[in-house]
C-alpha atoms as a PDB file:
ATOM      1  CA  UNK A   1      -1.832  14.714   4.203  1.00  0.00           C
ATOM      2  CA  UNK A   2      -0.277  11.263   4.224  1.00  0.00           C
ATOM      3  CA  UNK A   3       0.615   9.508   0.995  1.00  0.00           C
ATOM      4  CA  UNK A   4       1.306   5.745   1.084  1.00  0.00           C
ATOM      5  CA  UNK A   5       2.614   3.258  -1.475  1.00  0.00           C
ATOM      6  CA  UNK A   6       3.662  -0.364  -1.786  1.00  0.00           C
ATOM      7  CA  UNK A   7       7.165  -1.693  -2.184  1.00  0.00           C
ATOM      8  CA  UNK A   8       8.218  -1.767  -5.865  1.00  0.00           C
ATOM      9  CA  UNK A   9       8.072  -5.142  -7.640  1.00  0.00           C
ATOM     10  CA  UNK A  10      11.696  -4.790  -8.755  1.00  0.00           C
ATOM     11  CA  UNK A  11      14.720  -2.883  -7.508  1.00  0.00           C
ATOM     12  CA  UNK A  12      16.536  -3.013 -10.861  1.00  0.00           C
ATOM     13  CA  UNK A  13      19.345  -5.123  -9.397  1.00  0.00           C
ATOM     14  CA  UNK A  14      20.361  -2.775  -6.588  1.00  0.00           C
ATOM     15  CA  UNK A  15      18.688  -2.325  -3.186  1.00  0.00           C
ATOM     16  CA  UNK A  16      16.424   0.706  -2.846  1.00  0.00           C
ATOM     17  CA  UNK A  17      18.120   3.480  -0.886  1.00  0.00           C
ATOM     18  CA  UNK A  18      15.094   5.754  -0.432  1.00  0.00           C
ATOM     19  CA  UNK A  19      11.971   7.346  -1.824  1.00  0.00           C
ATOM     20  CA  UNK A  20      11.376  10.870  -3.037  1.00  0.00           C
ATOM     21  CA  UNK A  21       7.946  12.530  -2.728  1.00  0.00           C
ATOM     22  CA  UNK A  22       6.722  15.600  -4.613  1.00  0.00           C
ATOM     23  CA  UNK A  23       3.497  17.624  -4.510  1.00  0.00           C
ATOM     24  CA  UNK A  24       1.800  19.978  -6.960  1.00  0.00           C
ATOM     25  CA  UNK A  25      -1.093  22.343  -6.381  1.00  0.00           C
ATOM     26  CA  UNK A  26      -3.395  21.759  -9.382  1.00  0.00           C
ATOM     27  CA  UNK A  27      -3.354  25.503 -10.099  1.00  0.00           C
ATOM     28  CA  UNK A  28       0.443  25.428 -10.548  1.00  0.00           C
ATOM     29  CA  UNK A  29       2.529  24.117 -13.437  1.00  0.00           C
ATOM     30  CA  UNK A  30       5.224  22.118 -11.666  1.00  0.00           C
ATOM     31  CA  UNK A  31       5.837  19.719  -8.814  1.00  0.00           C
ATOM     32  CA  UNK A  32       7.920  20.710  -5.780  1.00  0.00           C
ATOM     33  CA  UNK A  33       9.770  18.467  -3.379  1.00  0.00           C
ATOM     34  CA  UNK A  34       7.813  17.378  -0.314  1.00  0.00           C
ATOM     35  CA  UNK A  35      10.725  15.359   1.062  1.00  0.00           C
ATOM     36  CA  UNK A  36      12.456  11.993   1.172  1.00  0.00           C
ATOM     37  CA  UNK A  37      12.162   8.893   3.307  1.00  0.00           C
ATOM     38  CA  UNK A  38      14.217   5.777   3.955  1.00  0.00           C
ATOM     39  CA  UNK A  39      13.842   2.526   1.985  1.00  0.00           C
ATOM     40  CA  UNK A  40      11.834   0.741   4.684  1.00  0.00           C
ATOM     41  CA  UNK A  41       9.152   3.437   4.934  1.00  0.00           C
ATOM     42  CA  UNK A  42       6.169   3.318   2.585  1.00  0.00           C
ATOM     43  CA  UNK A  43       4.328   6.457   3.691  1.00  0.00           C
ATOM     44  CA  UNK A  44       5.113  10.131   4.007  1.00  0.00           C
ATOM     45  CA  UNK A  45       3.395  13.082   5.702  1.00  0.00           C
ATOM     46  CA  UNK A  46       3.170  15.911   3.180  1.00  0.00           C
ATOM     47  CA  UNK A  47       3.243  19.302   4.908  1.00  0.00           C
ATOM     48  CA  UNK A  48       2.807  22.943   3.889  1.00  0.00           C
ATOM     49  CA  UNK A  49      -0.527  22.374   2.150  1.00  0.00           C
ATOM     50  CA  UNK A  50      -3.322  24.934   1.954  1.00  0.00           C
ATOM     51  CA  UNK A  51      -6.691  23.722   3.215  1.00  0.00           C
ATOM     52  CA  UNK A  52      -9.266  23.120   0.435  1.00  0.00           C
ATOM     53  CA  UNK A  53      -6.637  23.310  -2.329  1.00  0.00           C
ATOM     54  CA  UNK A  54      -6.299  20.227  -4.518  1.00  0.00           C
ATOM     55  CA  UNK A  55      -2.948  18.514  -4.971  1.00  0.00           C
ATOM     56  CA  UNK A  56      -1.353  15.828  -7.085  1.00  0.00           C
ATOM     57  CA  UNK A  57       1.326  13.712  -5.406  1.00  0.00           C
ATOM     58  CA  UNK A  58       4.075  11.603  -6.945  1.00  0.00           C
ATOM     59  CA  UNK A  59       6.664   9.171  -5.579  1.00  0.00           C
ATOM     60  CA  UNK A  60       9.793   7.573  -7.002  1.00  0.00           C
ATOM     61  CA  UNK A  61      12.273   5.000  -5.705  1.00  0.00           C
ATOM     62  CA  UNK A  62      16.033   5.605  -5.713  1.00  0.00           C
ATOM     63  CA  UNK A  63      19.012   3.246  -5.620  1.00  0.00           C
ATOM     64  CA  UNK A  64      22.673   3.205  -6.663  1.00  0.00           C
ATOM     65  CA  UNK A  65      21.639   2.599 -10.296  1.00  0.00           C
ATOM     66  CA  UNK A  66      19.360   5.660 -10.469  1.00  0.00           C
ATOM     67  CA  UNK A  67      15.712   6.597 -10.083  1.00  0.00           C
ATOM     68  CA  UNK A  68      12.501   4.843 -11.039  1.00  0.00           C
ATOM     69  CA  UNK A  69       9.750   6.454 -13.063  1.00  0.00           C
ATOM     70  CA  UNK A  70       7.398   8.634 -11.045  1.00  0.00           C
ATOM     71  CA  UNK A  71       4.190   7.083  -9.755  1.00  0.00           C
ATOM     72  CA  UNK A  72       1.535   9.815  -9.861  1.00  0.00           C
ATOM     73  CA  UNK A  73      -1.932   9.875  -8.297  1.00  0.00           C
ATOM     74  CA  UNK A  74      -4.681   9.464 -10.907  1.00  0.00           C
ATOM     75  CA  UNK A  75      -6.812  12.227  -9.406  1.00  0.00           C
ATOM     76  CA  UNK A  76      -6.031  15.258  -7.274  1.00  0.00           C
ATOM     77  CA  UNK A  77      -6.878  15.159  -3.569  1.00  0.00           C
ATOM     78  CA  UNK A  78      -8.224  18.043  -1.482  1.00  0.00           C
ATOM     79  CA  UNK A  79      -6.264  19.102   1.598  1.00  0.00           C
ATOM     80  CA  UNK A  80      -8.411  19.113   4.740  1.00  0.00           C
ATOM     81  CA  UNK A  81      -7.680  19.574   8.424  1.00  0.00           C
ATOM     82  CA  UNK A  82      -7.289  16.290  10.280  1.00  0.00           C
ATOM     83  CA  UNK A  83      -9.490  17.474  13.130  1.00  0.00           C
ATOM     84  CA  UNK A  84     -12.557  19.611  13.703  1.00  0.00           C
ATOM     85  CA  UNK A  85     -16.319  19.172  13.779  1.00  0.00           C
END
């Protein structure tokens, strides 16, 4: 599954150094790290998902000052294979 986002409106006075992505199966209670990407990348391929399970995804920006608030999907999305009939 690929999650994509737009560049933040503000960097808080310090250039963004990267983004952190987390995923959560809706049947679980907490998010787990899906990975990180560099500051010029605005998409991330989330791996290790179970087909037909629903997931929430969240992203935050990081810089030398700290971390932004999480941006969370409004609704869960169902994991599906990217190929098939």
